[in-house]
């Protein structure tokens, strides 16, 4: 996926707002960009992955392509990945 690098904003990750109904998969990431709180829509199932990648107060990049989206960090090709035999099944 390609996006316009001019439309990228950097902000502070403030938290995640989930719907009270567990059957609804919509959620929002709250990002503070220069004093403006921006809601970035995500799927609720992405929350565990985002919590591993970013902590509250972390600097995040978001971009706009009709709706706000969060930019995930690029994967380092030298990053250690567990072999299949050592991975947990849970």
C-alpha atoms as a PDB file:
ATOM      1  CA  UNK A   1       0.000   0.000   0.000  1.00  0.00           C
ATOM      2  CA  UNK A   2       1.347   3.394  -0.977  1.00  0.00           C
ATOM      3  CA  UNK A   3       0.347   6.671   0.589  1.00  0.00           C
ATOM      4  CA  UNK A   4       1.301  10.307   0.218  1.00  0.00           C
ATOM      5  CA  UNK A   5       4.179  11.054   2.588  1.00  0.00           C
ATOM      6  CA  UNK A   6       3.071  14.691   2.724  1.00  0.00           C
ATOM      7  CA  UNK A   7      -0.123  13.629   4.504  1.00  0.00           C
ATOM      8  CA  UNK A   8       1.735  11.974   7.400  1.00  0.00           C
ATOM      9  CA  UNK A   9       1.294  13.439  10.890  1.00  0.00           C
ATOM     10  CA  UNK A  10       3.272  12.581  14.007  1.00  0.00           C
ATOM     11  CA  UNK A  11       1.543  12.539  17.366  1.00  0.00           C
ATOM     12  CA  UNK A  12       1.416  11.020  20.831  1.00  0.00           C
ATOM     13  CA  UNK A  13      -0.516   7.788  21.396  1.00  0.00           C
ATOM     14  CA  UNK A  14      -3.070   8.597  24.112  1.00  0.00           C
ATOM     15  CA  UNK A  15      -5.140   5.427  24.305  1.00  0.00           C
ATOM     16  CA  UNK A  16      -7.747   3.176  22.746  1.00  0.00           C
ATOM     17  CA  UNK A  17     -11.482   3.717  22.878  1.00  0.00           C
ATOM     18  CA  UNK A  18     -13.534   0.536  22.496  1.00  0.00           C
ATOM     19  CA  UNK A  19     -17.262   0.114  22.043  1.00  0.00           C
ATOM     20  CA  UNK A  20     -18.997  -1.277  25.121  1.00  0.00           C
ATOM     21  CA  UNK A  21     -20.614  -4.056  23.053  1.00  0.00           C
ATOM     22  CA  UNK A  22     -18.124  -6.963  22.611  1.00  0.00           C
ATOM     23  CA  UNK A  23     -19.852  -7.985  19.362  1.00  0.00           C
ATOM     24  CA  UNK A  24     -18.879  -4.705  17.667  1.00  0.00           C
ATOM     25  CA  UNK A  25     -15.387  -4.773  16.159  1.00  0.00           C
ATOM     26  CA  UNK A  26     -15.034  -0.992  15.758  1.00  0.00           C
ATOM     27  CA  UNK A  27     -12.519   0.822  17.954  1.00  0.00           C
ATOM     28  CA  UNK A  28     -10.528   4.056  17.808  1.00  0.00           C
ATOM     29  CA  UNK A  29      -6.950   4.917  18.614  1.00  0.00           C
ATOM     30  CA  UNK A  30      -6.647   8.357  20.165  1.00  0.00           C
ATOM     31  CA  UNK A  31      -3.641  10.343  18.921  1.00  0.00           C
ATOM     32  CA  UNK A  32      -2.755  13.860  20.074  1.00  0.00           C
ATOM     33  CA  UNK A  33      -1.290  15.843  17.158  1.00  0.00           C
ATOM     34  CA  UNK A  34      -0.243  19.360  18.182  1.00  0.00           C
ATOM     35  CA  UNK A  35      -3.076  19.680  20.704  1.00  0.00           C
ATOM     36  CA  UNK A  36      -5.737  18.113  18.467  1.00  0.00           C
ATOM     37  CA  UNK A  37      -7.085  14.698  19.462  1.00  0.00           C
ATOM     38  CA  UNK A  38      -7.550  12.562  16.342  1.00  0.00           C
ATOM     39  CA  UNK A  39      -9.557   9.339  16.366  1.00  0.00           C
ATOM     40  CA  UNK A  40      -8.004   6.714  14.106  1.00  0.00           C
ATOM     41  CA  UNK A  41     -10.503   3.914  13.377  1.00  0.00           C
ATOM     42  CA  UNK A  42      -9.231   0.350  13.721  1.00  0.00           C
ATOM     43  CA  UNK A  43     -10.652  -3.122  14.027  1.00  0.00           C
ATOM     44  CA  UNK A  44     -10.902  -4.193  17.667  1.00  0.00           C
ATOM     45  CA  UNK A  45      -8.930  -7.356  16.849  1.00  0.00           C
ATOM     46  CA  UNK A  46      -5.860  -5.201  16.085  1.00  0.00           C
ATOM     47  CA  UNK A  47      -5.636  -3.907  19.664  1.00  0.00           C
ATOM     48  CA  UNK A  48      -3.271  -6.605  21.049  1.00  0.00           C
ATOM     49  CA  UNK A  49      -0.847  -6.014  18.170  1.00  0.00           C
ATOM     50  CA  UNK A  50      -0.916  -2.236  18.581  1.00  0.00           C
ATOM     51  CA  UNK A  51      -0.387  -2.545  22.334  1.00  0.00           C
ATOM     52  CA  UNK A  52       2.736  -4.616  21.671  1.00  0.00           C
ATOM     53  CA  UNK A  53       4.040  -2.104  19.127  1.00  0.00           C
ATOM     54  CA  UNK A  54       3.148   1.153  20.917  1.00  0.00           C
ATOM     55  CA  UNK A  55       2.744   2.073  24.547  1.00  0.00           C
ATOM     56  CA  UNK A  56       0.729   4.976  25.940  1.00  0.00           C
ATOM     57  CA  UNK A  57       2.774   8.116  25.371  1.00  0.00           C
ATOM     58  CA  UNK A  58       4.677   6.663  22.400  1.00  0.00           C
ATOM     59  CA  UNK A  59       5.206   8.693  19.254  1.00  0.00           C
ATOM     60  CA  UNK A  60       3.146   7.347  16.354  1.00  0.00           C
ATOM     61  CA  UNK A  61       2.762   8.304  12.727  1.00  0.00           C
ATOM     62  CA  UNK A  62      -0.665   8.495  11.149  1.00  0.00           C
ATOM     63  CA  UNK A  63      -1.623   9.308   7.584  1.00  0.00           C
ATOM     64  CA  UNK A  64      -4.776  10.428   5.841  1.00  0.00           C
ATOM     65  CA  UNK A  65      -6.157   8.733   2.725  1.00  0.00           C
ATOM     66  CA  UNK A  66      -9.811   9.645   3.133  1.00  0.00           C
ATOM     67  CA  UNK A  67      -9.751   8.382   6.736  1.00  0.00           C
ATOM     68  CA  UNK A  68      -6.948   8.455   9.286  1.00  0.00           C
ATOM     69  CA  UNK A  69      -4.796   5.321   9.458  1.00  0.00           C
ATOM     70  CA  UNK A  70      -1.905   4.374  11.702  1.00  0.00           C
ATOM     71  CA  UNK A  71       1.500   3.618  10.203  1.00  0.00           C
ATOM     72  CA  UNK A  72       3.051   0.475  11.607  1.00  0.00           C
ATOM     73  CA  UNK A  73       6.767   0.367  12.083  1.00  0.00           C
ATOM     74  CA  UNK A  74       8.698  -1.372   9.299  1.00  0.00           C
ATOM     75  CA  UNK A  75       9.918  -4.864  10.051  1.00  0.00           C
ATOM     76  CA  UNK A  76      13.660  -5.100  10.544  1.00  0.00           C
ATOM     77  CA  UNK A  77      15.015  -7.863   8.310  1.00  0.00           C
ATOM     78  CA  UNK A  78      17.571  -8.705  11.009  1.00  0.00           C
ATOM     79  CA  UNK A  79      14.910  -9.023  13.707  1.00  0.00           C
ATOM     80  CA  UNK A  80      14.978 -12.386  15.458  1.00  0.00           C
ATOM     81  CA  UNK A  81      11.942 -14.577  14.794  1.00  0.00           C
ATOM     82  CA  UNK A  82      11.341 -17.733  16.784  1.00  0.00           C
ATOM     83  CA  UNK A  83      11.628 -20.963  14.818  1.00  0.00           C
ATOM     84  CA  UNK A  84       8.351 -22.859  14.389  1.00  0.00           C
ATOM     85  CA  UNK A  85       9.366 -25.434  17.026  1.00  0.00           C
ATOM     86  CA  UNK A  86       9.844 -22.771  19.717  1.00  0.00           C
ATOM     87  CA  UNK A  87       6.597 -20.868  19.138  1.00  0.00           C
ATOM     88  CA  UNK A  88       3.712 -21.148  21.560  1.00  0.00           C
ATOM     89  CA  UNK A  89       0.473 -22.593  20.251  1.00  0.00           C
ATOM     90  CA  UNK A  90      -1.515 -20.101  22.329  1.00  0.00           C
END
